[in-house]
């Protein structure tokens, strides 16, 4: 079965994004490569857990880190476990 290149790009990006949460969608700028070597993926994350600033990716016998940046990250209160404020 021959799969289009876009399928593999989405699959790979979702695999990397799954290192921080559950990936939902890739934005249009990433699909059309407007960001060059950068990708944006909407990911559902558990705010009560540590958010990593990189994910280790393994490909063909070697590993390398992929830097992660969070946009529009909401405040999370570790005391009362609610979003919108901190202690």
PDB file of N, CA and C in Angstrom:
ATOM      1  N   UNK A   1       0.845  -1.171   0.000  1.00  0.00           N
ATOM      2  CA  UNK A   1       0.000   0.000   0.000  1.00  0.00           C
ATOM      3  C   UNK A   1       0.896   1.241   0.000  1.00  0.00           C
ATOM      4  N   UNK A   2       0.635   2.162  -0.878  1.00  0.00           N
ATOM      5  CA  UNK A   2       1.398   3.407  -0.976  1.00  0.00           C
ATOM      6  C   UNK A   2       0.641   4.513  -0.241  1.00  0.00           C
ATOM      7  N   UNK A   3       1.321   5.120   0.729  1.00  0.00           N
ATOM      8  CA  UNK A   3       0.701   6.198   1.494  1.00  0.00           C
ATOM      9  C   UNK A   3       1.332   7.521   1.087  1.00  0.00           C
ATOM     10  N   UNK A   4       0.539   8.596   1.007  1.00  0.00           N
ATOM     11  CA  UNK A   4       1.078   9.900   0.615  1.00  0.00           C
ATOM     12  C   UNK A   4       2.073  10.435   1.640  1.00  0.00           C
ATOM     13  N   UNK A   5       2.987  11.291   1.169  1.00  0.00           N
ATOM     14  CA  UNK A   5       3.990  11.886   2.031  1.00  0.00           C
ATOM     15  C   UNK A   5       3.357  12.625   3.203  1.00  0.00           C
ATOM     16  N   UNK A   6       2.228  13.306   2.984  1.00  0.00           N
ATOM     17  CA  UNK A   6       1.550  14.033   4.053  1.00  0.00           C
ATOM     18  C   UNK A   6       1.155  13.122   5.203  1.00  0.00           C
ATOM     19  N   UNK A   7       0.809  11.865   4.890  1.00  0.00           N
ATOM     20  CA  UNK A   7       0.441  10.912   5.931  1.00  0.00           C
ATOM     21  C   UNK A   7       1.633  10.670   6.846  1.00  0.00           C
ATOM     22  N   UNK A   8       2.805  10.444   6.250  1.00  0.00           N
ATOM     23  CA  UNK A   8       3.992  10.148   7.053  1.00  0.00           C
ATOM     24  C   UNK A   8       4.403  11.364   7.873  1.00  0.00           C
ATOM     25  N   UNK A   9       4.279  12.562   7.319  1.00  0.00           N
ATOM     26  CA  UNK A   9       4.624  13.764   8.060  1.00  0.00           C
ATOM     27  C   UNK A   9       3.703  13.898   9.274  1.00  0.00           C
ATOM     28  N   UNK A  10       2.408  13.712   9.072  1.00  0.00           N
ATOM     29  CA  UNK A  10       1.454  13.810  10.181  1.00  0.00           C
ATOM     30  C   UNK A  10       1.728  12.717  11.209  1.00  0.00           C
ATOM     31  N   UNK A  11       1.957  11.527  10.751  1.00  0.00           N
ATOM     32  CA  UNK A  11       2.210  10.410  11.662  1.00  0.00           C
ATOM     33  C   UNK A  11       3.450  10.677  12.512  1.00  0.00           C
ATOM     34  N   UNK A  12       4.503  11.154  11.888  1.00  0.00           N
ATOM     35  CA  UNK A  12       5.741  11.439  12.607  1.00  0.00           C
ATOM     36  C   UNK A  12       5.545  12.564  13.613  1.00  0.00           C
ATOM     37  N   UNK A  13       4.890  13.649  13.202  1.00  0.00           N
ATOM     38  CA  UNK A  13       4.640  14.764  14.120  1.00  0.00           C
ATOM     39  C   UNK A  13       3.769  14.328  15.295  1.00  0.00           C
ATOM     40  N   UNK A  14       2.772  13.508  15.034  1.00  0.00           N
ATOM     41  CA  UNK A  14       1.919  13.018  16.110  1.00  0.00           C
ATOM     42  C   UNK A  14       2.703  12.114  17.062  1.00  0.00           C
ATOM     43  N   UNK A  15       3.630  11.313  16.540  1.00  0.00           N
ATOM     44  CA  UNK A  15       4.450  10.457  17.402  1.00  0.00           C
ATOM     45  C   UNK A  15       5.308  11.307  18.334  1.00  0.00           C
ATOM     46  N   UNK A  16       5.914  12.362  17.792  1.00  0.00           N
ATOM     47  CA  UNK A  16       6.732  13.252  18.616  1.00  0.00           C
ATOM     48  C   UNK A  16       5.861  13.967  19.644  1.00  0.00           C
ATOM     49  N   UNK A  17       4.728  14.511  19.212  1.00  0.00           N
ATOM     50  CA  UNK A  17       3.833  15.244  20.108  1.00  0.00           C
ATOM     51  C   UNK A  17       3.248  14.352  21.192  1.00  0.00           C
ATOM     52  N   UNK A  18       3.111  13.078  20.922  1.00  0.00           N
ATOM     53  CA  UNK A  18       2.558  12.174  21.933  1.00  0.00           C
ATOM     54  C   UNK A  18       3.493  12.023  23.126  1.00  0.00           C
ATOM     55  N   UNK A  19       4.726  12.511  22.996  1.00  0.00           N
ATOM     56  CA  UNK A  19       5.645  12.509  24.125  1.00  0.00           C
ATOM     57  C   UNK A  19       5.246  13.482  25.221  1.00  0.00           C
ATOM     58  N   UNK A  20       4.378  14.445  24.902  1.00  0.00           N
ATOM     59  CA  UNK A  20       3.918  15.413  25.911  1.00  0.00           C
ATOM     60  C   UNK A  20       2.420  15.325  26.177  1.00  0.00           C
ATOM     61  N   UNK A  21       1.677  14.623  25.352  1.00  0.00           N
ATOM     62  CA  UNK A  21       0.234  14.518  25.550  1.00  0.00           C
ATOM     63  C   UNK A  21      -0.438  13.816  24.389  1.00  0.00           C
ATOM     64  N   UNK A  22      -1.704  14.136  24.188  1.00  0.00           N
ATOM     65  CA  UNK A  22      -2.487  13.528  23.118  1.00  0.00           C
ATOM     66  C   UNK A  22      -2.624  14.526  21.967  1.00  0.00           C
ATOM     67  N   UNK A  23      -1.947  14.264  20.834  1.00  0.00           N
ATOM     68  CA  UNK A  23      -2.045  15.194  19.706  1.00  0.00           C
ATOM     69  C   UNK A  23      -3.422  15.157  19.059  1.00  0.00           C
ATOM     70  N   UNK A  24      -3.918  16.343  18.674  1.00  0.00           N
ATOM     71  CA  UNK A  24      -5.237  16.438  18.059  1.00  0.00           C
ATOM     72  C   UNK A  24      -5.183  16.854  16.596  1.00  0.00           C
ATOM     73  N   UNK A  25      -4.417  17.914  16.301  1.00  0.00           N
ATOM     74  CA  UNK A  25      -4.417  18.451  14.939  1.00  0.00           C
ATOM     75  C   UNK A  25      -3.118  19.200  14.670  1.00  0.00           C
ATOM     76  N   UNK A  26      -2.716  19.207  13.406  1.00  0.00           N
ATOM     77  CA  UNK A  26      -1.569  19.989  12.948  1.00  0.00           C
ATOM     78  C   UNK A  26      -2.119  21.252  12.310  1.00  0.00           C
ATOM     79  N   UNK A  27      -1.514  22.407  12.611  1.00  0.00           N
ATOM     80  CA  UNK A  27      -2.050  23.650  12.057  1.00  0.00           C
ATOM     81  C   UNK A  27      -1.714  23.792  10.571  1.00  0.00           C
ATOM     82  N   UNK A  28      -2.453  24.668   9.888  1.00  0.00           N
ATOM     83  CA  UNK A  28      -2.302  24.834   8.441  1.00  0.00           C
ATOM     84  C   UNK A  28      -0.913  25.325   8.047  1.00  0.00           C
ATOM     85  N   UNK A  29      -0.312  26.208   8.850  1.00  0.00           N
ATOM     86  CA  UNK A  29       1.026  26.712   8.534  1.00  0.00           C
ATOM     87  C   UNK A  29       2.048  25.580   8.548  1.00  0.00           C
ATOM     88  N   UNK A  30       1.871  24.619   9.434  1.00  0.00           N
ATOM     89  CA  UNK A  30       2.773  23.468   9.474  1.00  0.00           C
ATOM     90  C   UNK A  30       2.534  22.568   8.268  1.00  0.00           C
ATOM     91  N   UNK A  31       1.273  22.358   7.930  1.00  0.00           N
ATOM     92  CA  UNK A  31       0.956  21.518   6.761  1.00  0.00           C
ATOM     93  C   UNK A  31       1.555  22.066   5.480  1.00  0.00           C
ATOM     94  N   UNK A  32       1.592  23.398   5.355  1.00  0.00           N
ATOM     95  CA  UNK A  32       2.121  24.021   4.141  1.00  0.00           C
ATOM     96  C   UNK A  32       3.575  24.442   4.303  1.00  0.00           C
ATOM     97  N   UNK A  33       4.182  24.099   5.432  1.00  0.00           N
ATOM     98  CA  UNK A  33       5.594  24.359   5.730  1.00  0.00           C
ATOM     99  C   UNK A  33       5.951  25.846   5.765  1.00  0.00           C
ATOM    100  N   UNK A  34       5.051  26.682   6.219  1.00  0.00           N
ATOM    101  CA  UNK A  34       5.338  28.111   6.356  1.00  0.00           C
ATOM    102  C   UNK A  34       6.370  28.384   7.449  1.00  0.00           C
ATOM    103  N   UNK A  35       6.485  27.481   8.425  1.00  0.00           N
ATOM    104  CA  UNK A  35       7.429  27.666   9.522  1.00  0.00           C
ATOM    105  C   UNK A  35       8.770  27.004   9.251  1.00  0.00           C
ATOM    106  N   UNK A  36       8.987  26.477   8.061  1.00  0.00           N
ATOM    107  CA  UNK A  36      10.253  25.818   7.751  1.00  0.00           C
ATOM    108  C   UNK A  36      10.438  24.557   8.571  1.00  0.00           C
ATOM    109  N   UNK A  37      11.401  24.575   9.463  1.00  0.00           N
ATOM    110  CA  UNK A  37      11.739  23.389  10.260  1.00  0.00           C
ATOM    111  C   UNK A  37      10.959  23.308  11.573  1.00  0.00           C
ATOM    112  N   UNK A  38       9.994  24.180  11.757  1.00  0.00           N
ATOM    113  CA  UNK A  38       9.193  24.187  12.986  1.00  0.00           C
ATOM    114  C   UNK A  38       7.807  23.622  12.698  1.00  0.00           C
ATOM    115  N   UNK A  39       7.208  23.018  13.723  1.00  0.00           N
ATOM    116  CA  UNK A  39       5.870  22.451  13.567  1.00  0.00           C
ATOM    117  C   UNK A  39       5.010  22.863  14.753  1.00  0.00           C
ATOM    118  N   UNK A  40       3.730  23.077  14.474  1.00  0.00           N
ATOM    119  CA  UNK A  40       2.754  23.353  15.524  1.00  0.00           C
ATOM    120  C   UNK A  40       1.732  22.236  15.531  1.00  0.00           C
ATOM    121  N   UNK A  41       1.528  21.682  16.714  1.00  0.00           N
ATOM    122  CA  UNK A  41       0.559  20.602  16.882  1.00  0.00           C
ATOM    123  C   UNK A  41      -0.271  20.931  18.123  1.00  0.00           C
ATOM    124  N   UNK A  42      -1.583  20.872  17.981  1.00  0.00           N
ATOM    125  CA  UNK A  42      -2.465  21.056  19.128  1.00  0.00           C
ATOM    126  C   UNK A  42      -2.457  19.759  19.925  1.00  0.00           C
ATOM    127  N   UNK A  43      -2.086  19.861  21.206  1.00  0.00           N
ATOM    128  CA  UNK A  43      -1.926  18.673  22.048  1.00  0.00           C
ATOM    129  C   UNK A  43      -2.686  18.874  23.358  1.00  0.00           C
ATOM    130  N   UNK A  44      -3.416  17.863  23.779  1.00  0.00           N
ATOM    131  CA  UNK A  44      -4.062  17.860  25.088  1.00  0.00           C
ATOM    132  C   UNK A  44      -3.025  17.359  26.088  1.00  0.00           C
ATOM    133  N   UNK A  45      -2.746  18.182  27.109  1.00  0.00           N
ATOM    134  CA  UNK A  45      -1.765  17.785  28.120  1.00  0.00           C
ATOM    135  C   UNK A  45      -2.417  17.757  29.499  1.00  0.00           C
ATOM    136  N   UNK A  46      -1.887  16.932  30.364  1.00  0.00           N
ATOM    137  CA  UNK A  46      -2.327  16.855  31.754  1.00  0.00           C
ATOM    138  C   UNK A  46      -1.523  17.893  32.524  1.00  0.00           C
ATOM    139  N   UNK A  47      -2.143  19.005  32.869  1.00  0.00           N
ATOM    140  CA  UNK A  47      -1.440  20.115  33.517  1.00  0.00           C
ATOM    141  C   UNK A  47      -0.948  19.759  34.916  1.00  0.00           C
ATOM    142  N   UNK A  48      -1.455  18.684  35.498  1.00  0.00           N
ATOM    143  CA  UNK A  48      -0.997  18.302  36.835  1.00  0.00           C
ATOM    144  C   UNK A  48       0.335  17.559  36.781  1.00  0.00           C
ATOM    145  N   UNK A  49       0.796  17.226  35.582  1.00  0.00           N
ATOM    146  CA  UNK A  49       2.068  16.523  35.424  1.00  0.00           C
ATOM    147  C   UNK A  49       3.131  17.492  34.924  1.00  0.00           C
ATOM    148  N   UNK A  50       4.378  17.122  35.095  1.00  0.00           N
ATOM    149  CA  UNK A  50       5.500  17.959  34.645  1.00  0.00           C
ATOM    150  C   UNK A  50       5.460  18.119  33.131  1.00  0.00           C
ATOM    151  N   UNK A  51       5.641  19.353  32.646  1.00  0.00           N
ATOM    152  CA  UNK A  51       5.699  19.619  31.220  1.00  0.00           C
ATOM    153  C   UNK A  51       7.166  19.636  30.796  1.00  0.00           C
ATOM    154  N   UNK A  52       7.507  18.807  29.854  1.00  0.00           N
ATOM    155  CA  UNK A  52       8.886  18.684  29.404  1.00  0.00           C
ATOM    156  C   UNK A  52       9.210  19.738  28.359  1.00  0.00           C
ATOM    157  N   UNK A  53      10.465  20.194  28.349  1.00  0.00           N
ATOM    158  CA  UNK A  53      10.884  21.172  27.354  1.00  0.00           C
ATOM    159  C   UNK A  53      11.553  20.512  26.143  1.00  0.00           C
ATOM    160  N   UNK A  54      11.668  19.182  26.183  1.00  0.00           N
ATOM    161  CA  UNK A  54      12.168  18.453  25.022  1.00  0.00           C
ATOM    162  C   UNK A  54      11.672  17.006  25.092  1.00  0.00           C
ATOM    163  N   UNK A  55      11.681  16.369  23.939  1.00  0.00           N
ATOM    164  CA  UNK A  55      11.285  14.964  23.818  1.00  0.00           C
ATOM    165  C   UNK A  55      12.426  14.254  23.105  1.00  0.00           C
ATOM    166  N   UNK A  56      12.801  13.093  23.580  1.00  0.00           N
ATOM    167  CA  UNK A  56      13.861  12.321  22.952  1.00  0.00           C
ATOM    168  C   UNK A  56      13.246  11.437  21.867  1.00  0.00           C
ATOM    169  N   UNK A  57      13.715  11.598  20.643  1.00  0.00           N
ATOM    170  CA  UNK A  57      13.184  10.867  19.500  1.00  0.00           C
ATOM    171  C   UNK A  57      14.217   9.840  19.059  1.00  0.00           C
ATOM    172  N   UNK A  58      13.754   8.627  18.795  1.00  0.00           N
ATOM    173  CA  UNK A  58      14.649   7.567  18.328  1.00  0.00           C
ATOM    174  C   UNK A  58      14.282   7.206  16.892  1.00  0.00           C
ATOM    175  N   UNK A  59      15.279   7.258  16.017  1.00  0.00           N
ATOM    176  CA  UNK A  59      15.093   6.915  14.607  1.00  0.00           C
ATOM    177  C   UNK A  59      16.290   6.130  14.108  1.00  0.00           C
ATOM    178  N   UNK A  60      16.055   4.996  13.521  1.00  0.00           N
ATOM    179  CA  UNK A  60      17.074   4.186  12.860  1.00  0.00           C
ATOM    180  C   UNK A  60      18.338   4.010  13.700  1.00  0.00           C
ATOM    181  N   UNK A  61      18.170   3.680  14.970  1.00  0.00           N
ATOM    182  CA  UNK A  61      19.305   3.355  15.815  1.00  0.00           C
ATOM    183  C   UNK A  61      19.996   4.518  16.501  1.00  0.00           C
ATOM    184  N   UNK A  62      19.518   5.731  16.343  1.00  0.00           N
ATOM    185  CA  UNK A  62      20.098   6.851  17.071  1.00  0.00           C
ATOM    186  C   UNK A  62      18.980   7.711  17.649  1.00  0.00           C
ATOM    187  N   UNK A  63      19.328   8.492  18.655  1.00  0.00           N
ATOM    188  CA  UNK A  63      18.337   9.345  19.311  1.00  0.00           C
ATOM    189  C   UNK A  63      18.789  10.799  19.256  1.00  0.00           C
ATOM    190  N   UNK A  64      17.811  11.688  19.290  1.00  0.00           N
ATOM    191  CA  UNK A  64      18.097  13.115  19.311  1.00  0.00           C
ATOM    192  C   UNK A  64      16.945  13.834  20.001  1.00  0.00           C
ATOM    193  N   UNK A  65      17.253  14.967  20.675  1.00  0.00           N
ATOM    194  CA  UNK A  65      16.196  15.708  21.359  1.00  0.00           C
ATOM    195  C   UNK A  65      15.459  16.640  20.398  1.00  0.00           C
ATOM    196  N   UNK A  66      14.171  16.781  20.612  1.00  0.00           N
ATOM    197  CA  UNK A  66      13.345  17.746  19.889  1.00  0.00           C
ATOM    198  C   UNK A  66      12.834  18.731  20.930  1.00  0.00           C
ATOM    199  N   UNK A  67      13.140  20.002  20.742  1.00  0.00           N
ATOM    200  CA  UNK A  67      12.720  21.041  21.687  1.00  0.00           C
ATOM    201  C   UNK A  67      11.210  21.267  21.585  1.00  0.00           C
ATOM    202  N   UNK A  68      10.580  21.483  22.728  1.00  0.00           N
ATOM    203  CA  UNK A  68       9.142  21.716  22.814  1.00  0.00           C
ATOM    204  C   UNK A  68       8.900  23.108  23.375  1.00  0.00           C
ATOM    205  N   UNK A  69       8.010  23.864  22.745  1.00  0.00           N
ATOM    206  CA  UNK A  69       7.564  25.149  23.278  1.00  0.00           C
ATOM    207  C   UNK A  69       6.047  25.090  23.415  1.00  0.00           C
ATOM    208  N   UNK A  70       5.548  25.612  24.519  1.00  0.00           N
ATOM    209  CA  UNK A  70       4.115  25.624  24.773  1.00  0.00           C
ATOM    210  C   UNK A  70       3.590  27.035  24.515  1.00  0.00           C
ATOM    211  N   UNK A  71       2.579  27.143  23.683  1.00  0.00           N
ATOM    212  CA  UNK A  71       1.945  28.433  23.418  1.00  0.00           C
ATOM    213  C   UNK A  71       0.617  28.505  24.163  1.00  0.00           C
ATOM    214  N   UNK A  72       0.305  29.676  24.636  1.00  0.00           N
ATOM    215  CA  UNK A  72      -0.966  29.915  25.328  1.00  0.00           C
ATOM    216  C   UNK A  72      -1.205  28.913  26.452  1.00  0.00           C
ATOM    217  N   UNK A  73      -0.167  28.650  27.197  1.00  0.00           N
ATOM    218  CA  UNK A  73      -0.265  27.720  28.318  1.00  0.00           C
ATOM    219  C   UNK A  73      -1.032  28.380  29.460  1.00  0.00           C
ATOM    220  N   UNK A  74      -2.114  27.768  29.919  1.00  0.00           N
ATOM    221  CA  UNK A  74      -2.901  28.398  30.990  1.00  0.00           C
ATOM    222  C   UNK A  74      -2.193  28.270  32.340  1.00  0.00           C
ATOM    223  N   UNK A  75      -2.532  29.163  33.252  1.00  0.00           N
ATOM    224  CA  UNK A  75      -2.037  29.027  34.619  1.00  0.00           C
ATOM    225  C   UNK A  75      -2.664  27.785  35.232  1.00  0.00           C
ATOM    226  N   UNK A  76      -1.880  27.073  36.041  1.00  0.00           N
ATOM    227  CA  UNK A  76      -2.382  25.884  36.723  1.00  0.00           C
ATOM    228  C   UNK A  76      -1.996  25.980  38.190  1.00  0.00           C
ATOM    229  N   UNK A  77      -2.971  25.844  39.060  1.00  0.00           N
ATOM    230  CA  UNK A  77      -2.737  25.893  40.503  1.00  0.00           C
ATOM    231  C   UNK A  77      -2.475  24.476  41.014  1.00  0.00           C
ATOM    232  N   UNK A  78      -1.248  24.239  41.451  1.00  0.00           N
ATOM    233  CA  UNK A  78      -0.904  22.905  41.955  1.00  0.00           C
ATOM    234  C   UNK A  78      -1.523  22.646  43.325  1.00  0.00           C
ATOM    235  N   UNK A  79      -2.017  23.710  43.963  1.00  0.00           N
ATOM    236  CA  UNK A  79      -2.637  23.558  45.276  1.00  0.00           C
ATOM    237  C   UNK A  79      -4.086  23.043  45.167  1.00  0.00           C
ATOM    238  N   UNK A  80      -4.908  23.749  44.381  1.00  0.00           N
ATOM    239  CA  UNK A  80      -6.329  23.352  44.287  1.00  0.00           C
ATOM    240  C   UNK A  80      -6.629  22.548  43.022  1.00  0.00           C
ATOM    241  N   UNK A  81      -5.632  22.407  42.140  1.00  0.00           N
ATOM    242  CA  UNK A  81      -5.754  21.590  40.911  1.00  0.00           C
ATOM    243  C   UNK A  81      -6.723  22.161  39.891  1.00  0.00           C
ATOM    244  N   UNK A  82      -6.839  23.501  39.829  1.00  0.00           N
ATOM    245  CA  UNK A  82      -7.689  24.152  38.855  1.00  0.00           C
ATOM    246  C   UNK A  82      -6.872  25.057  37.929  1.00  0.00           C
ATOM    247  N   UNK A  83      -7.393  25.276  36.747  1.00  0.00           N
ATOM    248  CA  UNK A  83      -6.763  26.178  35.792  1.00  0.00           C
ATOM    249  C   UNK A  83      -7.202  27.607  36.041  1.00  0.00           C
ATOM    250  N   UNK A  84      -6.361  28.566  35.654  1.00  0.00           N
ATOM    251  CA  UNK A  84      -6.752  29.967  35.697  1.00  0.00           C
ATOM    252  C   UNK A  84      -5.998  30.803  36.716  1.00  0.00           C
ATOM    253  N   UNK A  85      -5.302  30.174  37.635  1.00  0.00           N
ATOM    254  CA  UNK A  85      -4.529  30.922  38.637  1.00  0.00           C
ATOM    255  C   UNK A  85      -3.431  30.024  39.192  1.00  0.00           C
ATOM    256  N   UNK A  86      -2.538  30.629  39.949  1.00  0.00           N
ATOM    257  CA  UNK A  86      -1.540  29.870  40.690  1.00  0.00           C
ATOM    258  C   UNK A  86      -1.706  30.216  42.158  1.00  0.00           C
ATOM    259  N   UNK A  87      -0.987  29.524  43.002  1.00  0.00           N
ATOM    260  CA  UNK A  87      -1.101  29.769  44.455  1.00  0.00           C
ATOM    261  C   UNK A  87      -0.802  31.209  44.758  1.00  0.00           C
TER     262      UNK A  87
END
